[in-house]
C-alpha atoms as a PDB file:
ATOM      1  CA  MET A   1     133.492 101.199 114.390  1.00  0.00           C
ATOM      2  CA  TYR A   2     134.395 102.249 110.905  1.00  0.00           C
ATOM      3  CA  VAL A   3     133.640  99.192 109.263  1.00  0.00           C
ATOM      4  CA  LEU A   4     130.210  99.323 111.026  1.00  0.00           C
ATOM      5  CA  ILE A   5     129.383 103.113 109.600  1.00  0.00           C
ATOM      6  CA  ILE A   6     130.663 102.357 106.072  1.00  0.00           C
ATOM      7  CA  SER A   7     128.068  99.076 106.212  1.00  0.00           C
ATOM      8  CA  PHE A   8     125.364 101.063 107.546  1.00  0.00           C
ATOM      9  CA  ILE A   9     125.759 103.921 104.723  1.00  0.00           C
ATOM     10  CA  THR A  10     126.261 101.462 102.282  1.00  0.00           C
ATOM     11  CA  LEU A  11     123.208  99.170 102.888  1.00  0.00           C
ATOM     12  CA  GLU A  12     121.108 102.456 103.938  1.00  0.00           C
ATOM     13  CA  ILE A  13     121.901 103.848 100.204  1.00  0.00           C
ATOM     14  CA  ALA A  14     121.619 100.460  98.749  1.00  0.00           C
ATOM     15  CA  ASP A  15     118.208 100.005 100.189  1.00  0.00           C
ATOM     16  CA  GLY A  16     117.337 103.837  99.258  1.00  0.00           C
ATOM     17  CA  ILE A  17     118.283 102.854  95.370  1.00  0.00           C
ATOM     18  CA  PHE A  18     116.321  99.498  95.412  1.00  0.00           C
ATOM     19  CA  THR A  19     113.439 100.986  96.726  1.00  0.00           C
ATOM     20  CA  TYR A  20     113.412 103.692  94.544  1.00  0.00           C
ATOM     21  CA  PHE A  21     113.461 101.658  90.762  1.00  0.00           C
ATOM     22  CA  ALA A  22     111.265  98.741  92.803  1.00  0.00           C
ATOM     23  CA  VAL A  23     108.551 101.357  93.421  1.00  0.00           C
ATOM     24  CA  VAL A  24     109.510 103.166  89.690  1.00  0.00           C
ATOM     25  CA  ASN A  25     108.750  99.620  88.212  1.00  0.00           C
ATOM     26  CA  HIS A  26     105.612  99.315  90.348  1.00  0.00           C
ATOM     27  CA  GLN A  27     106.753  96.340  92.353  1.00  0.00           C
ATOM     28  CA  VAL A  28     106.589  97.490  95.428  1.00  0.00           C
ATOM     29  CA  ASN A  29     104.971 100.324  97.839  1.00  0.00           C
ATOM     30  CA  GLU A  30     107.485 101.903 100.283  1.00  0.00           C
ATOM     31  CA  ALA A  31     106.264 100.798 103.622  1.00  0.00           C
ATOM     32  CA  ASN A  32     107.702 103.988 105.477  1.00  0.00           C
ATOM     33  CA  PRO A  33     104.790 106.394 106.197  1.00  0.00           C
ATOM     34  CA  ILE A  34     107.639 109.787 106.404  1.00  0.00           C
ATOM     35  CA  LEU A  35     108.964 108.741 102.710  1.00  0.00           C
ATOM     36  CA  LEU A  36     105.762 107.103 100.823  1.00  0.00           C
ATOM     37  CA  TYR A  37     105.296 110.503  99.283  1.00  0.00           C
ATOM     38  CA  PHE A  38     108.769 111.060  97.881  1.00  0.00           C
ATOM     39  CA  ALA A  39     109.203 107.259  97.062  1.00  0.00           C
ATOM     40  CA  GLY A  40     109.579 107.100  93.173  1.00  0.00           C
ATOM     41  CA  THR A  41     111.123 110.375  93.171  1.00  0.00           C
ATOM     42  CA  GLY A  42     114.815 111.660  92.548  1.00  0.00           C
ATOM     43  CA  THR A  43     114.586 113.187  96.143  1.00  0.00           C
ATOM     44  CA  PHE A  44     113.692 109.921  97.609  1.00  0.00           C
ATOM     45  CA  VAL A  45     117.120 108.768  96.725  1.00  0.00           C
ATOM     46  CA  VAL A  46     118.533 112.204  97.870  1.00  0.00           C
ATOM     47  CA  MET A  47     116.856 111.723 101.520  1.00  0.00           C
ATOM     48  CA  LYS A  48     118.010 108.558 101.633  1.00  0.00           C
ATOM     49  CA  VAL A  49     121.703 109.463 101.218  1.00  0.00           C
ATOM     50  CA  ALA A  50     120.975 112.469 103.883  1.00  0.00           C
ATOM     51  CA  CYS A  51     119.783 110.215 106.238  1.00  0.00           C
ATOM     52  CA  ALA A  52     122.605 107.689 106.442  1.00  0.00           C
ATOM     53  CA  LEU A  53     125.195 110.496 106.608  1.00  0.00           C
ATOM     54  CA  ILE A  54     123.456 111.936 109.303  1.00  0.00           C
ATOM     55  CA  GLY A  55     123.107 109.013 110.867  1.00  0.00           C
ATOM     56  CA  ALA A  56     126.139 108.122 110.725  1.00  0.00           C
ATOM     57  CA  LEU A  57     127.314 111.425 112.405  1.00  0.00           C
ATOM     58  CA  LEU A  58     125.445 111.010 115.181  1.00  0.00           C
ATOM     59  CA  LEU A  59     127.261 107.327 115.471  1.00  0.00           C
ATOM     60  CA  LEU A  60     130.595 109.190 115.646  1.00  0.00           C
ATOM     61  CA  LEU A  61     129.050 111.490 118.062  1.00  0.00           C
ATOM     62  CA  VAL A  62     128.142 108.850 120.232  1.00  0.00           C
ATOM     63  CA  PHE A  63     131.070 106.574 119.647  1.00  0.00           C
ATOM     64  CA  LYS A  64     133.304 109.914 121.086  1.00  0.00           C
ATOM     65  CA  ARG A  65     131.133 110.029 124.598  1.00  0.00           C
ATOM     66  CA  PHE A  66     130.139 105.866 124.632  1.00  0.00           C
ATOM     67  CA  PRO A  67     132.391 104.148 122.289  1.00  0.00           C
ATOM     68  CA  HIS A  68     130.516 100.507 123.549  1.00  0.00           C
ATOM     69  CA  ILE A  69     126.790 101.752 123.474  1.00  0.00           C
ATOM     70  CA  ALA A  70     127.941 103.153 119.848  1.00  0.00           C
ATOM     71  CA  GLN A  71     129.389  99.986 118.600  1.00  0.00           C
ATOM     72  CA  ILE A  72     126.354  97.833 119.853  1.00  0.00           C
ATOM     73  CA  GLY A  73     123.809 100.752 118.187  1.00  0.00           C
ATOM     74  CA  ALA A  74     125.649 100.662 114.647  1.00  0.00           C
ATOM     75  CA  ALA A  75     125.897  96.428 114.813  1.00  0.00           C
ATOM     76  CA  CYS A  76     122.231  96.597 115.551  1.00  0.00           C
ATOM     77  CA  VAL A  77     121.341  99.052 112.688  1.00  0.00           C
ATOM     78  CA  VAL A  78     123.355  97.066 110.236  1.00  0.00           C
ATOM     79  CA  ILE A  79     121.576  93.904 111.166  1.00  0.00           C
ATOM     80  CA  PHE A  80     118.334  95.706 110.825  1.00  0.00           C
ATOM     81  CA  TYR A  81     119.509  96.977 107.212  1.00  0.00           C
ATOM     82  CA  LEU A  82     120.762  93.412 105.864  1.00  0.00           C
ATOM     83  CA  ALA A  83     117.589  92.037 107.326  1.00  0.00           C
ATOM     84  CA  VAL A  84     115.630  94.989 104.828  1.00  0.00           C
ATOM     85  CA  MET A  85     117.936  94.014 102.280  1.00  0.00           C
ATOM     86  CA  ALA A  86     117.213  90.522 102.416  1.00  0.00           C
ATOM     87  CA  TRP A  87     113.401  91.365 102.646  1.00  0.00           C
ATOM     88  CA  ASN A  88     113.762  93.328  99.348  1.00  0.00           C
ATOM     89  CA  PHE A  89     115.480  90.710  97.228  1.00  0.00           C
ATOM     90  CA  SER A  90     112.751  88.031  98.645  1.00  0.00           C
ATOM     91  CA  VAL A  91     110.118  90.495  97.089  1.00  0.00           C
ATOM     92  CA  LEU A  92     112.050  90.298  93.600  1.00  0.00           C
ATOM     93  CA  ILE A  93     111.893  86.407  93.543  1.00  0.00           C
END
């Protein structure tokens, strides 16, 4: 479970850093309407880190009560962020 959580945090932060630099260099636009306002600012990366840590904490809390469900949820989130990062890199090509 800890490998999944660390993977989730790492991928979320990597997505934030990638998106920040891509938006600043006018290569992409932020697709998330909630974060669109903050894209291209230092606040954006801070918000992504905070969301990653809050998400990881929530997964750990769920894991204490429902370990199987938390593992499935964490695996789904990691797969989602792997797809997001694959999309991010495909945009550069």
